[in-house]
mmCIF file of all heavy atoms, coordinates in Angstrom:
data_MODEL
# 
_entry.id   MODEL 
# 
loop_
_atom_site.group_PDB 
_atom_site.id 
_atom_site.type_symbol 
_atom_site.label_atom_id 
_atom_site.label_alt_id 
_atom_site.label_comp_id 
_atom_site.label_asym_id 
_atom_site.label_entity_id 
_atom_site.label_seq_id 
_atom_site.pdbx_PDB_ins_code 
_atom_site.Cartn_x 
_atom_site.Cartn_y 
_atom_site.Cartn_z 
_atom_site.occupancy 
_atom_site.B_iso_or_equiv 
_atom_site.pdbx_formal_charge 
_atom_site.auth_seq_id 
_atom_site.auth_comp_id 
_atom_site.auth_asym_id 
_atom_site.auth_atom_id 
_atom_site.pdbx_PDB_model_num 
ATOM 1   N N   . ALA A 1 1  ? 20.908  16.957  2.630  1.00 0.00 ? 1  ALA A N   1 
ATOM 2   C CA  . ALA A 1 1  ? 20.656  18.185  2.046  1.00 0.00 ? 1  ALA A CA  1 
ATOM 3   C C   . ALA A 1 1  ? 19.641  18.251  0.956  1.00 0.00 ? 1  ALA A C   1 
ATOM 4   O O   . ALA A 1 1  ? 19.151  19.375  0.562  1.00 0.00 ? 1  ALA A O   1 
ATOM 5   C CB  . ALA A 1 1  ? 21.967  18.949  1.623  1.00 0.00 ? 1  ALA A CB  1 
ATOM 6   N N   . VAL A 1 2  ? 19.345  17.149  0.342  1.00 0.00 ? 2  VAL A N   1 
ATOM 7   C CA  . VAL A 1 2  ? 18.426  16.985  -0.640 1.00 0.00 ? 2  VAL A CA  1 
ATOM 8   C C   . VAL A 1 2  ? 16.975  16.927  -0.180 1.00 0.00 ? 2  VAL A C   1 
ATOM 9   O O   . VAL A 1 2  ? 16.674  16.007  0.542  1.00 0.00 ? 2  VAL A O   1 
ATOM 10  C CB  . VAL A 1 2  ? 18.629  15.814  -1.672 1.00 0.00 ? 2  VAL A CB  1 
ATOM 11  C CG1 . VAL A 1 2  ? 17.652  15.774  -2.714 1.00 0.00 ? 2  VAL A CG1 1 
ATOM 12  C CG2 . VAL A 1 2  ? 20.139  15.924  -2.188 1.00 0.00 ? 2  VAL A CG2 1 
ATOM 13  N N   . SER A 1 3  ? 16.139  17.969  -0.408 1.00 0.00 ? 3  SER A N   1 
ATOM 14  C CA  . SER A 1 3  ? 14.732  18.064  0.102  1.00 0.00 ? 3  SER A CA  1 
ATOM 15  C C   . SER A 1 3  ? 13.865  17.356  -0.891 1.00 0.00 ? 3  SER A C   1 
ATOM 16  O O   . SER A 1 3  ? 13.897  17.527  -2.068 1.00 0.00 ? 3  SER A O   1 
ATOM 17  C CB  . SER A 1 3  ? 14.342  19.341  0.417  1.00 0.00 ? 3  SER A CB  1 
ATOM 18  O OG  . SER A 1 3  ? 14.414  20.121  -0.907 1.00 0.00 ? 3  SER A OG  1 
ATOM 19  N N   . VAL A 1 4  ? 13.019  16.246  -0.377 1.00 0.00 ? 4  VAL A N   1 
ATOM 20  C CA  . VAL A 1 4  ? 12.117  15.496  -1.196 1.00 0.00 ? 4  VAL A CA  1 
ATOM 21  C C   . VAL A 1 4  ? 10.725  15.715  -0.630 1.00 0.00 ? 4  VAL A C   1 
ATOM 22  O O   . VAL A 1 4  ? 10.398  15.721  0.517  1.00 0.00 ? 4  VAL A O   1 
ATOM 23  C CB  . VAL A 1 4  ? 12.601  13.971  -1.127 1.00 0.00 ? 4  VAL A CB  1 
ATOM 24  C CG1 . VAL A 1 4  ? 11.579  13.090  -2.056 1.00 0.00 ? 4  VAL A CG1 1 
ATOM 25  C CG2 . VAL A 1 4  ? 13.975  13.807  -1.593 1.00 0.00 ? 4  VAL A CG2 1 
ATOM 26  N N   . TYR A 1 5  ? 9.794   15.811  -1.570 1.00 0.00 ? 5  TYR A N   1 
ATOM 27  C CA  . TYR A 1 5  ? 8.384   15.849  -1.104 1.00 0.00 ? 5  TYR A CA  1 
ATOM 28  C C   . TYR A 1 5  ? 7.830   14.600  -0.637 1.00 0.00 ? 5  TYR A C   1 
ATOM 29  O O   . TYR A 1 5  ? 8.141   13.565  -1.209 1.00 0.00 ? 5  TYR A O   1 
ATOM 30  C CB  . TYR A 1 5  ? 7.552   16.388  -2.475 1.00 0.00 ? 5  TYR A CB  1 
ATOM 31  C CG  . TYR A 1 5  ? 6.118   16.279  -2.165 1.00 0.00 ? 5  TYR A CG  1 
ATOM 32  C CD1 . TYR A 1 5  ? 5.456   17.277  -1.584 1.00 0.00 ? 5  TYR A CD1 1 
ATOM 33  C CD2 . TYR A 1 5  ? 5.346   15.307  -2.768 1.00 0.00 ? 5  TYR A CD2 1 
ATOM 34  C CE1 . TYR A 1 5  ? 4.016   17.280  -1.331 1.00 0.00 ? 5  TYR A CE1 1 
ATOM 35  C CE2 . TYR A 1 5  ? 3.978   15.130  -2.463 1.00 0.00 ? 5  TYR A CE2 1 
ATOM 36  C CZ  . TYR A 1 5  ? 3.363   16.216  -1.880 1.00 0.00 ? 5  TYR A CZ  1 
ATOM 37  O OH  . TYR A 1 5  ? 1.951   16.093  -1.742 1.00 0.00 ? 5  TYR A OH  1 
ATOM 38  N N   . ARG A 1 6  ? 7.206   14.651  0.400  1.00 0.00 ? 6  ARG A N   1 
ATOM 39  C CA  . ARG A 1 6  ? 6.559   13.417  1.045  1.00 0.00 ? 6  ARG A CA  1 
ATOM 40  C C   . ARG A 1 6  ? 5.046   13.538  0.830  1.00 0.00 ? 6  ARG A C   1 
ATOM 41  O O   . ARG A 1 6  ? 4.394   14.530  1.100  1.00 0.00 ? 6  ARG A O   1 
ATOM 42  C CB  . ARG A 1 6  ? 6.869   13.318  2.494  1.00 0.00 ? 6  ARG A CB  1 
ATOM 43  C CG  . ARG A 1 6  ? 8.363   13.265  2.789  1.00 0.00 ? 6  ARG A CG  1 
ATOM 44  C CD  . ARG A 1 6  ? 9.027   12.096  2.195  1.00 0.00 ? 6  ARG A CD  1 
ATOM 45  N NE  . ARG A 1 6  ? 10.436  11.986  2.445  1.00 0.00 ? 6  ARG A NE  1 
ATOM 46  C CZ  . ARG A 1 6  ? 11.302  11.034  1.859  1.00 0.00 ? 6  ARG A CZ  1 
ATOM 47  N NH1 . ARG A 1 6  ? 10.778  10.104  1.088  1.00 0.00 ? 6  ARG A NH1 1 
ATOM 48  N NH2 . ARG A 1 6  ? 12.537  10.973  2.218  1.00 0.00 ? 6  ARG A NH2 1 
ATOM 49  N N   . ASN A 1 7  ? 4.532   12.437  0.291  1.00 0.00 ? 7  ASN A N   1 
ATOM 50  C CA  . ASN A 1 7  ? 3.109   12.306  0.019  1.00 0.00 ? 7  ASN A CA  1 
ATOM 51  C C   . ASN A 1 7  ? 2.380   11.975  1.287  1.00 0.00 ? 7  ASN A C   1 
ATOM 52  O O   . ASN A 1 7  ? 2.518   10.865  1.874  1.00 0.00 ? 7  ASN A O   1 
ATOM 53  C CB  . ASN A 1 7  ? 2.893   11.324  -1.005 1.00 0.00 ? 7  ASN A CB  1 
ATOM 54  C CG  . ASN A 1 7  ? 1.398   11.343  -1.520 1.00 0.00 ? 7  ASN A CG  1 
ATOM 55  O OD1 . ASN A 1 7  ? 0.617   12.123  -1.037 1.00 0.00 ? 7  ASN A OD1 1 
ATOM 56  N ND2 . ASN A 1 7  ? 1.076   10.465  -2.528 1.00 0.00 ? 7  ASN A ND2 1 
ATOM 57  N N   . PRO A 1 8  ? 1.645   12.838  1.872  1.00 0.00 ? 8  PRO A N   1 
ATOM 58  C CA  . PRO A 1 8  ? 0.956   12.489  3.119  1.00 0.00 ? 8  PRO A CA  1 
ATOM 59  C C   . PRO A 1 8  ? -0.215  11.487  2.916  1.00 0.00 ? 8  PRO A C   1 
ATOM 60  O O   . PRO A 1 8  ? -0.534  10.832  4.003  1.00 0.00 ? 8  PRO A O   1 
ATOM 61  C CB  . PRO A 1 8  ? 0.302   13.882  3.587  1.00 0.00 ? 8  PRO A CB  1 
ATOM 62  C CG  . PRO A 1 8  ? 0.041   14.609  2.424  1.00 0.00 ? 8  PRO A CG  1 
ATOM 63  C CD  . PRO A 1 8  ? 1.152   14.200  1.389  1.00 0.00 ? 8  PRO A CD  1 
ATOM 64  N N   . ALA A 1 9  ? -0.673  11.283  1.810  1.00 0.00 ? 9  ALA A N   1 
ATOM 65  C CA  . ALA A 1 9  ? -1.803  10.274  1.631  1.00 0.00 ? 9  ALA A CA  1 
ATOM 66  C C   . ALA A 1 9  ? -1.322  9.162   0.794  1.00 0.00 ? 9  ALA A C   1 
ATOM 67  O O   . ALA A 1 9  ? -0.646  9.245   -0.118 1.00 0.00 ? 9  ALA A O   1 
ATOM 68  C CB  . ALA A 1 9  ? -3.039  10.866  0.887  1.00 0.00 ? 9  ALA A CB  1 
ATOM 69  N N   . ASP A 1 10 ? -1.690  7.878   1.269  1.00 0.00 ? 10 ASP A N   1 
ATOM 70  C CA  . ASP A 1 10 ? -1.312  6.694   0.636  1.00 0.00 ? 10 ASP A CA  1 
ATOM 71  C C   . ASP A 1 10 ? -2.389  6.393   -0.543 1.00 0.00 ? 10 ASP A C   1 
ATOM 72  O O   . ASP A 1 10 ? -3.478  6.188   -0.190 1.00 0.00 ? 10 ASP A O   1 
ATOM 73  C CB  . ASP A 1 10 ? -1.320  5.486   1.560  1.00 0.00 ? 10 ASP A CB  1 
ATOM 74  C CG  . ASP A 1 10 ? -0.676  4.246   0.984  1.00 0.00 ? 10 ASP A CG  1 
ATOM 75  O OD1 . ASP A 1 10 ? -0.472  4.267   -0.213 1.00 0.00 ? 10 ASP A OD1 1 
ATOM 76  O OD2 . ASP A 1 10 ? -0.659  3.171   1.717  1.00 0.00 ? 10 ASP A OD2 1 
ATOM 77  N N   . PRO A 1 11 ? -2.011  6.373   -1.708 1.00 0.00 ? 11 PRO A N   1 
ATOM 78  C CA  . PRO A 1 11 ? -2.969  6.148   -2.787 1.00 0.00 ? 11 PRO A CA  1 
ATOM 79  C C   . PRO A 1 11 ? -3.525  4.757   -2.854 1.00 0.00 ? 11 PRO A C   1 
ATOM 80  O O   . PRO A 1 11 ? -4.617  4.503   -3.394 1.00 0.00 ? 11 PRO A O   1 
ATOM 81  C CB  . PRO A 1 11 ? -2.256  6.525   -4.107 1.00 0.00 ? 11 PRO A CB  1 
ATOM 82  C CG  . PRO A 1 11 ? -0.800  6.292   -3.778 1.00 0.00 ? 11 PRO A CG  1 
ATOM 83  C CD  . PRO A 1 11 ? -0.632  6.731   -2.211 1.00 0.00 ? 11 PRO A CD  1 
ATOM 84  N N   . TYR A 1 12 ? -2.872  3.848   -2.217 1.00 0.00 ? 12 TYR A N   1 
ATOM 85  C CA  . TYR A 1 12 ? -3.267  2.509   -2.159 1.00 0.00 ? 12 TYR A CA  1 
ATOM 86  C C   . TYR A 1 12 ? -4.000  2.122   -0.982 1.00 0.00 ? 12 TYR A C   1 
ATOM 87  O O   . TYR A 1 12 ? -4.471  0.886   -0.845 1.00 0.00 ? 12 TYR A O   1 
ATOM 88  C CB  . TYR A 1 12 ? -2.112  1.468   -2.144 1.00 0.00 ? 12 TYR A CB  1 
ATOM 89  C CG  . TYR A 1 12 ? -1.301  1.441   -3.485 1.00 0.00 ? 12 TYR A CG  1 
ATOM 90  C CD1 . TYR A 1 12 ? 0.053   1.733   -3.418 1.00 0.00 ? 12 TYR A CD1 1 
ATOM 91  C CD2 . TYR A 1 12 ? -1.917  1.344   -4.716 1.00 0.00 ? 12 TYR A CD2 1 
ATOM 92  C CE1 . TYR A 1 12 ? 0.836   1.708   -4.632 1.00 0.00 ? 12 TYR A CE1 1 
ATOM 93  C CE2 . TYR A 1 12 ? -1.209  1.419   -5.889 1.00 0.00 ? 12 TYR A CE2 1 
ATOM 94  C CZ  . TYR A 1 12 ? 0.157   1.571   -5.833 1.00 0.00 ? 12 TYR A CZ  1 
ATOM 95  O OH  . TYR A 1 12 ? 0.900   1.609   -6.952 1.00 0.00 ? 12 TYR A OH  1 
ATOM 96  N N   . LEU A 1 13 ? -4.410  3.103   -0.153 1.00 0.00 ? 13 LEU A N   1 
ATOM 97  C CA  . LEU A 1 13 ? -5.180  2.895   1.142  1.00 0.00 ? 13 LEU A CA  1 
ATOM 98  C C   . LEU A 1 13 ? -6.539  2.382   0.739  1.00 0.00 ? 13 LEU A C   1 
ATOM 99  O O   . LEU A 1 13 ? -7.169  1.478   1.464  1.00 0.00 ? 13 LEU A O   1 
ATOM 100 C CB  . LEU A 1 13 ? -5.242  4.045   1.896  1.00 0.00 ? 13 LEU A CB  1 
ATOM 101 C CG  . LEU A 1 13 ? -5.970  4.005   3.302  1.00 0.00 ? 13 LEU A CG  1 
ATOM 102 C CD1 . LEU A 1 13 ? -5.181  2.921   4.144  1.00 0.00 ? 13 LEU A CD1 1 
ATOM 103 C CD2 . LEU A 1 13 ? -5.988  5.343   4.045  1.00 0.00 ? 13 LEU A CD2 1 
ATOM 104 N N   . SER A 1 14 ? -7.236  2.949   -0.201 1.00 0.00 ? 14 SER A N   1 
ATOM 105 C CA  . SER A 1 14 ? -8.676  2.572   -0.499 1.00 0.00 ? 14 SER A CA  1 
ATOM 106 C C   . SER A 1 14 ? -8.677  1.139   -1.108 1.00 0.00 ? 14 SER A C   1 
ATOM 107 O O   . SER A 1 14 ? -9.601  0.303   -0.834 1.00 0.00 ? 14 SER A O   1 
ATOM 108 C CB  . SER A 1 14 ? -9.196  3.519   -1.530 1.00 0.00 ? 14 SER A CB  1 
ATOM 109 O OG  . SER A 1 14 ? -8.412  3.522   -2.705 1.00 0.00 ? 14 SER A OG  1 
ATOM 110 N N   . TYR A 1 15 ? -7.632  0.768   -1.892 1.00 0.00 ? 15 TYR A N   1 
ATOM 111 C CA  . TYR A 1 15 ? -7.669  -0.605  -2.495 1.00 0.00 ? 15 TYR A CA  1 
ATOM 112 C C   . TYR A 1 15 ? -7.295  -1.566  -1.363 1.00 0.00 ? 15 TYR A C   1 
ATOM 113 O O   . TYR A 1 15 ? -7.867  -2.778  -1.430 1.00 0.00 ? 15 TYR A O   1 
ATOM 114 C CB  . TYR A 1 15 ? -6.583  -0.713  -3.596 1.00 0.00 ? 15 TYR A CB  1 
ATOM 115 C CG  . TYR A 1 15 ? -6.790  0.205   -4.744 1.00 0.00 ? 15 TYR A CG  1 
ATOM 116 C CD1 . TYR A 1 15 ? -6.161  1.383   -4.837 1.00 0.00 ? 15 TYR A CD1 1 
ATOM 117 C CD2 . TYR A 1 15 ? -7.632  -0.204  -5.780 1.00 0.00 ? 15 TYR A CD2 1 
ATOM 118 C CE1 . TYR A 1 15 ? -6.420  2.201   -5.958 1.00 0.00 ? 15 TYR A CE1 1 
ATOM 119 C CE2 . TYR A 1 15 ? -7.846  0.560   -6.829 1.00 0.00 ? 15 TYR A CE2 1 
ATOM 120 C CZ  . TYR A 1 15 ? -7.271  1.809   -6.979 1.00 0.00 ? 15 TYR A CZ  1 
ATOM 121 O OH  . TYR A 1 15 ? -7.545  2.588   -8.043 1.00 0.00 ? 15 TYR A OH  1 
ATOM 122 N N   . ARG A 1 16 ? -6.387  -1.149  -0.408 1.00 0.00 ? 16 ARG A N   1 
ATOM 123 C CA  . ARG A 1 16 ? -6.142  -2.192  0.676  1.00 0.00 ? 16 ARG A CA  1 
ATOM 124 C C   . ARG A 1 16 ? -7.370  -2.355  1.516  1.00 0.00 ? 16 ARG A C   1 
ATOM 125 O O   . ARG A 1 16 ? -7.525  -3.514  2.079  1.00 0.00 ? 16 ARG A O   1 
ATOM 126 C CB  . ARG A 1 16 ? -4.938  -1.593  1.507  1.00 0.00 ? 16 ARG A CB  1 
ATOM 127 C CG  . ARG A 1 16 ? -4.508  -2.558  2.505  1.00 0.00 ? 16 ARG A CG  1 
ATOM 128 C CD  . ARG A 1 16 ? -3.353  -1.891  3.382  1.00 0.00 ? 16 ARG A CD  1 
ATOM 129 N NE  . ARG A 1 16 ? -2.215  -1.584  2.619  1.00 0.00 ? 16 ARG A NE  1 
ATOM 130 C CZ  . ARG A 1 16 ? -1.741  -0.381  2.294  1.00 0.00 ? 16 ARG A CZ  1 
ATOM 131 N NH1 . ARG A 1 16 ? -2.467  0.658   2.753  1.00 0.00 ? 16 ARG A NH1 1 
ATOM 132 N NH2 . ARG A 1 16 ? -0.750  -0.158  1.500  1.00 0.00 ? 16 ARG A NH2 1 
ATOM 133 N N   . ALA A 1 17 ? -8.224  -1.440  1.758  1.00 0.00 ? 17 ALA A N   1 
ATOM 134 C CA  . ALA A 1 17 ? -9.320  -1.513  2.585  1.00 0.00 ? 17 ALA A CA  1 
ATOM 135 C C   . ALA A 1 17 ? -10.518 -2.243  1.863  1.00 0.00 ? 17 ALA A C   1 
ATOM 136 O O   . ALA A 1 17 ? -11.328 -2.992  2.591  1.00 0.00 ? 17 ALA A O   1 
ATOM 137 C CB  . ALA A 1 17 ? -9.819  -0.226  3.101  1.00 0.00 ? 17 ALA A CB  1 
ATOM 138 N N   . ASP A 1 18 ? -10.507 -2.201  0.661  1.00 0.00 ? 18 ASP A N   1 
ATOM 139 C CA  . ASP A 1 18 ? -11.683 -2.715  -0.178 1.00 0.00 ? 18 ASP A CA  1 
ATOM 140 C C   . ASP A 1 18 ? -11.430 -4.121  -0.476 1.00 0.00 ? 18 ASP A C   1 
ATOM 141 O O   . ASP A 1 18 ? -12.300 -4.958  -0.213 1.00 0.00 ? 18 ASP A O   1 
ATOM 142 C CB  . ASP A 1 18 ? -12.039 -1.841  -1.358 1.00 0.00 ? 18 ASP A CB  1 
ATOM 143 C CG  . ASP A 1 18 ? -12.637 -0.493  -1.065 1.00 0.00 ? 18 ASP A CG  1 
ATOM 144 O OD1 . ASP A 1 18 ? -12.973 -0.264  0.095  1.00 0.00 ? 18 ASP A OD1 1 
ATOM 145 O OD2 . ASP A 1 18 ? -12.483 0.301   -1.893 1.00 0.00 ? 18 ASP A OD2 1 
ATOM 146 N N   . VAL A 1 19 ? -10.391 -4.384  -1.137 1.00 0.00 ? 19 VAL A N   1 
ATOM 147 C CA  . VAL A 1 19 ? -10.022 -5.791  -1.769 1.00 0.00 ? 19 VAL A CA  1 
ATOM 148 C C   . VAL A 1 19 ? -9.090  -6.623  -0.943 1.00 0.00 ? 19 VAL A C   1 
ATOM 149 O O   . VAL A 1 19 ? -8.818  -7.719  -1.311 1.00 0.00 ? 19 VAL A O   1 
ATOM 150 C CB  . VAL A 1 19 ? -9.716  -5.674  -3.249 1.00 0.00 ? 19 VAL A CB  1 
ATOM 151 C CG1 . VAL A 1 19 ? -10.763 -4.984  -3.943 1.00 0.00 ? 19 VAL A CG1 1 
ATOM 152 C CG2 . VAL A 1 19 ? -8.375  -4.834  -3.313 1.00 0.00 ? 19 VAL A CG2 1 
ATOM 153 N N   . ASP A 1 20 ? -8.496  -5.808  0.066  1.00 0.00 ? 20 ASP A N   1 
ATOM 154 C CA  . ASP A 1 20 ? -7.462  -6.523  0.879  1.00 0.00 ? 20 ASP A CA  1 
ATOM 155 C C   . ASP A 1 20 ? -6.324  -7.131  -0.054 1.00 0.00 ? 20 ASP A C   1 
ATOM 156 O O   . ASP A 1 20 ? -5.878  -8.288  0.079  1.00 0.00 ? 20 ASP A O   1 
ATOM 157 C CB  . ASP A 1 20 ? -8.067  -7.686  1.714  1.00 0.00 ? 20 ASP A CB  1 
ATOM 158 C CG  . ASP A 1 20 ? -7.107  -8.151  2.755  1.00 0.00 ? 20 ASP A CG  1 
ATOM 159 O OD1 . ASP A 1 20 ? -6.174  -7.424  3.116  1.00 0.00 ? 20 ASP A OD1 1 
ATOM 160 O OD2 . ASP A 1 20 ? -7.322  -9.235  3.421  1.00 0.00 ? 20 ASP A OD2 1 
ATOM 161 N N   . TYR A 1 21 ? -5.906  -6.264  -0.915 1.00 0.00 ? 21 TYR A N   1 
ATOM 162 C CA  . TYR A 1 21 ? -4.850  -6.694  -1.859 1.00 0.00 ? 21 TYR A CA  1 
ATOM 163 C C   . TYR A 1 21 ? -3.519  -6.766  -1.276 1.00 0.00 ? 21 TYR A C   1 
ATOM 164 O O   . TYR A 1 21 ? -2.648  -7.475  -1.625 1.00 0.00 ? 21 TYR A O   1 
ATOM 165 C CB  . TYR A 1 21 ? -4.912  -5.682  -3.000 1.00 0.00 ? 21 TYR A CB  1 
ATOM 166 C CG  . TYR A 1 21 ? -3.934  -6.050  -4.105 1.00 0.00 ? 21 TYR A CG  1 
ATOM 167 C CD1 . TYR A 1 21 ? -4.258  -7.054  -5.006 1.00 0.00 ? 21 TYR A CD1 1 
ATOM 168 C CD2 . TYR A 1 21 ? -2.677  -5.408  -4.277 1.00 0.00 ? 21 TYR A CD2 1 
ATOM 169 C CE1 . TYR A 1 21 ? -3.398  -7.441  -6.104 1.00 0.00 ? 21 TYR A CE1 1 
ATOM 170 C CE2 . TYR A 1 21 ? -1.816  -5.779  -5.403 1.00 0.00 ? 21 TYR A CE2 1 
ATOM 171 C CZ  . TYR A 1 21 ? -2.247  -6.843  -6.274 1.00 0.00 ? 21 TYR A CZ  1 
ATOM 172 O OH  . TYR A 1 21 ? -1.325  -7.144  -7.172 1.00 0.00 ? 21 TYR A OH  1 
ATOM 173 N N   . PHE A 1 22 ? -3.210  -5.866  -0.161 1.00 0.00 ? 22 PHE A N   1 
ATOM 174 C CA  . PHE A 1 22 ? -2.046  -5.969  0.581  1.00 0.00 ? 22 PHE A CA  1 
ATOM 175 C C   . PHE A 1 22 ? -2.222  -6.384  1.978  1.00 0.00 ? 22 PHE A C   1 
ATOM 176 O O   . PHE A 1 22 ? -3.224  -5.896  2.630  1.00 0.00 ? 22 PHE A O   1 
ATOM 177 C CB  . PHE A 1 22 ? -1.354  -4.586  0.484  1.00 0.00 ? 22 PHE A CB  1 
ATOM 178 C CG  . PHE A 1 22 ? -0.791  -4.207  -0.838 1.00 0.00 ? 22 PHE A CG  1 
ATOM 179 C CD1 . PHE A 1 22 ? -1.531  -3.332  -1.581 1.00 0.00 ? 22 PHE A CD1 1 
ATOM 180 C CD2 . PHE A 1 22 ? 0.262   -4.773  -1.411 1.00 0.00 ? 22 PHE A CD2 1 
ATOM 181 C CE1 . PHE A 1 22 ? -1.166  -2.967  -2.887 1.00 0.00 ? 22 PHE A CE1 1 
ATOM 182 C CE2 . PHE A 1 22 ? 0.723   -4.458  -2.698 1.00 0.00 ? 22 PHE A CE2 1 
ATOM 183 C CZ  . PHE A 1 22 ? -0.021  -3.458  -3.496 1.00 0.00 ? 22 PHE A CZ  1 
ATOM 184 N N   . PRO A 1 23 ? -1.474  -7.226  2.585  1.00 0.00 ? 23 PRO A N   1 
ATOM 185 C CA  . PRO A 1 23 ? -0.415  -7.926  1.939  1.00 0.00 ? 23 PRO A CA  1 
ATOM 186 C C   . PRO A 1 23 ? -0.969  -9.243  1.309  1.00 0.00 ? 23 PRO A C   1 
ATOM 187 O O   . PRO A 1 23 ? -2.029  -9.792  1.682  1.00 0.00 ? 23 PRO A O   1 
ATOM 188 C CB  . PRO A 1 23 ? 0.459   -8.334  3.149  1.00 0.00 ? 23 PRO A CB  1 
ATOM 189 C CG  . PRO A 1 23 ? -0.416  -8.432  4.227  1.00 0.00 ? 23 PRO A CG  1 
ATOM 190 C CD  . PRO A 1 23 ? -1.568  -7.384  4.069  1.00 0.00 ? 23 PRO A CD  1 
ATOM 191 N N   . ILE A 1 24 ? -0.184  -9.882  0.332  1.00 0.00 ? 24 ILE A N   1 
ATOM 192 C CA  . ILE A 1 24 ? -0.585  -11.027 -0.250 1.00 0.00 ? 24 ILE A CA  1 
ATOM 193 C C   . ILE A 1 24 ? -0.075  -12.329 0.549  1.00 0.00 ? 24 ILE A C   1 
ATOM 194 O O   . ILE A 1 24 ? 1.152   -12.344 0.747  1.00 0.00 ? 24 ILE A O   1 
ATOM 195 C CB  . ILE A 1 24 ? -0.033  -11.032 -1.750 1.00 0.00 ? 24 ILE A CB  1 
ATOM 196 C CG1 . ILE A 1 24 ? -0.600  -9.858  -2.506 1.00 0.00 ? 24 ILE A CG1 1 
ATOM 197 C CG2 . ILE A 1 24 ? -0.350  -12.370 -2.323 1.00 0.00 ? 24 ILE A CG2 1 
ATOM 198 C CD1 . ILE A 1 24 ? -0.058  -9.796  -3.906 1.00 0.00 ? 24 ILE A CD1 1 
ATOM 199 N N   . SER A 1 25 ? -0.964  -13.171 0.779  1.00 0.00 ? 25 SER A N   1 
ATOM 200 C CA  . SER A 1 25 ? -0.664  -14.398 1.560  1.00 0.00 ? 25 SER A CA  1 
ATOM 201 C C   . SER A 1 25 ? -0.778  -15.597 0.679  1.00 0.00 ? 25 SER A C   1 
ATOM 202 O O   . SER A 1 25 ? -1.877  -15.754 0.140  1.00 0.00 ? 25 SER A O   1 
ATOM 203 C CB  . SER A 1 25 ? -1.464  -14.550 2.777  1.00 0.00 ? 25 SER A CB  1 
ATOM 204 O OG  . SER A 1 25 ? -2.807  -14.629 2.474  1.00 0.00 ? 25 SER A OG  1 
ATOM 205 N N   . TRP A 1 26 ? 0.274   -16.345 0.457  1.00 0.00 ? 26 TRP A N   1 
ATOM 206 C CA  . TRP A 1 26 ? 0.201   -17.432 -0.477 1.00 0.00 ? 26 TRP A CA  1 
ATOM 207 C C   . TRP A 1 26 ? 0.081   -18.714 0.429  1.00 0.00 ? 26 TRP A C   1 
ATOM 208 O O   . TRP A 1 26 ? 0.806   -18.896 1.392  1.00 0.00 ? 26 TRP A O   1 
ATOM 209 C CB  . TRP A 1 26 ? 1.507   -17.550 -1.210 1.00 0.00 ? 26 TRP A CB  1 
ATOM 210 C CG  . TRP A 1 26 ? 1.687   -16.369 -2.185 1.00 0.00 ? 26 TRP A CG  1 
ATOM 211 C CD1 . TRP A 1 26 ? 2.396   -15.304 -1.885 1.00 0.00 ? 26 TRP A CD1 1 
ATOM 212 C CD2 . TRP A 1 26 ? 1.069   -16.236 -3.480 1.00 0.00 ? 26 TRP A CD2 1 
ATOM 213 N NE1 . TRP A 1 26 ? 2.293   -14.346 -2.999 1.00 0.00 ? 26 TRP A NE1 1 
ATOM 214 C CE2 . TRP A 1 26 ? 1.495   -14.880 -3.966 1.00 0.00 ? 26 TRP A CE2 1 
ATOM 215 C CE3 . TRP A 1 26 ? 0.274   -16.934 -4.238 1.00 0.00 ? 26 TRP A CE3 1 
ATOM 216 C CZ2 . TRP A 1 26 ? 1.150   -14.358 -5.088 1.00 0.00 ? 26 TRP A CZ2 1 
ATOM 217 C CZ3 . TRP A 1 26 ? -0.170  -16.463 -5.455 1.00 0.00 ? 26 TRP A CZ3 1 
ATOM 218 C CH2 . TRP A 1 26 ? 0.327   -15.186 -5.947 1.00 0.00 ? 26 TRP A CH2 1 
ATOM 219 N N   . LYS A 1 27 ? -0.766  -19.586 -0.055 1.00 0.00 ? 27 LYS A N   1 
ATOM 220 C CA  . LYS A 1 27 ? -0.958  -20.934 0.583  1.00 0.00 ? 27 LYS A CA  1 
ATOM 221 C C   . LYS A 1 27 ? -0.349  -22.009 -0.172 1.00 0.00 ? 27 LYS A C   1 
ATOM 222 O O   . LYS A 1 27 ? -0.393  -22.017 -1.413 1.00 0.00 ? 27 LYS A O   1 
ATOM 223 C CB  . LYS A 1 27 ? -2.492  -21.130 0.912  1.00 0.00 ? 27 LYS A CB  1 
ATOM 224 C CG  . LYS A 1 27 ? -3.075  -20.182 1.691  1.00 0.00 ? 27 LYS A CG  1 
ATOM 225 C CD  . LYS A 1 27 ? -4.607  -20.493 2.000  1.00 0.00 ? 27 LYS A CD  1 
ATOM 226 C CE  . LYS A 1 27 ? -5.216  -19.467 2.903  1.00 0.00 ? 27 LYS A CE  1 
ATOM 227 N NZ  . LYS A 1 27 ? -6.638  -19.709 3.098  1.00 0.00 ? 27 LYS A NZ  1 
ATOM 228 N N   . LYS A 1 28 ? 0.119   -23.048 0.486  1.00 0.00 ? 28 LYS A N   1 
ATOM 229 C CA  . LYS A 1 28 ? 0.802   -24.113 -0.167 1.00 0.00 ? 28 LYS A CA  1 
ATOM 230 C C   . LYS A 1 28 ? -0.279  -24.950 -0.926 1.00 0.00 ? 28 LYS A C   1 
ATOM 231 O O   . LYS A 1 28 ? -1.298  -25.304 -0.343 1.00 0.00 ? 28 LYS A O   1 
ATOM 232 C CB  . LYS A 1 28 ? 1.537   -24.972 0.806  1.00 0.00 ? 28 LYS A CB  1 
ATOM 233 C CG  . LYS A 1 28 ? 2.384   -26.068 0.120  1.00 0.00 ? 28 LYS A CG  1 
ATOM 234 C CD  . LYS A 1 28 ? 3.132   -26.823 1.221  1.00 0.00 ? 28 LYS A CD  1 
ATOM 235 C CE  . LYS A 1 28 ? 3.994   -27.954 0.613  1.00 0.00 ? 28 LYS A CE  1 
ATOM 236 N NZ  . LYS A 1 28 ? 4.798   -28.710 1.571  1.00 0.00 ? 28 LYS A NZ  1 
ATOM 237 N N   . GLY A 1 29 ? 0.020   -25.331 -2.100 1.00 0.00 ? 29 GLY A N   1 
ATOM 238 C CA  . GLY A 1 29 ? -0.919  -26.051 -2.961 1.00 0.00 ? 29 GLY A CA  1 
ATOM 239 C C   . GLY A 1 29 ? -1.869  -25.403 -3.847 1.00 0.00 ? 29 GLY A C   1 
ATOM 240 O O   . GLY A 1 29 ? -2.442  -25.885 -4.616 1.00 0.00 ? 29 GLY A O   1 
# 
């Protein structure tokens, strides 16, 4: 019964497309 506002736009979308910050892949060593 609790109504919550949903953000239609992802604010991290531009960062994800430019610098490929998400997801982070760690390599051994």
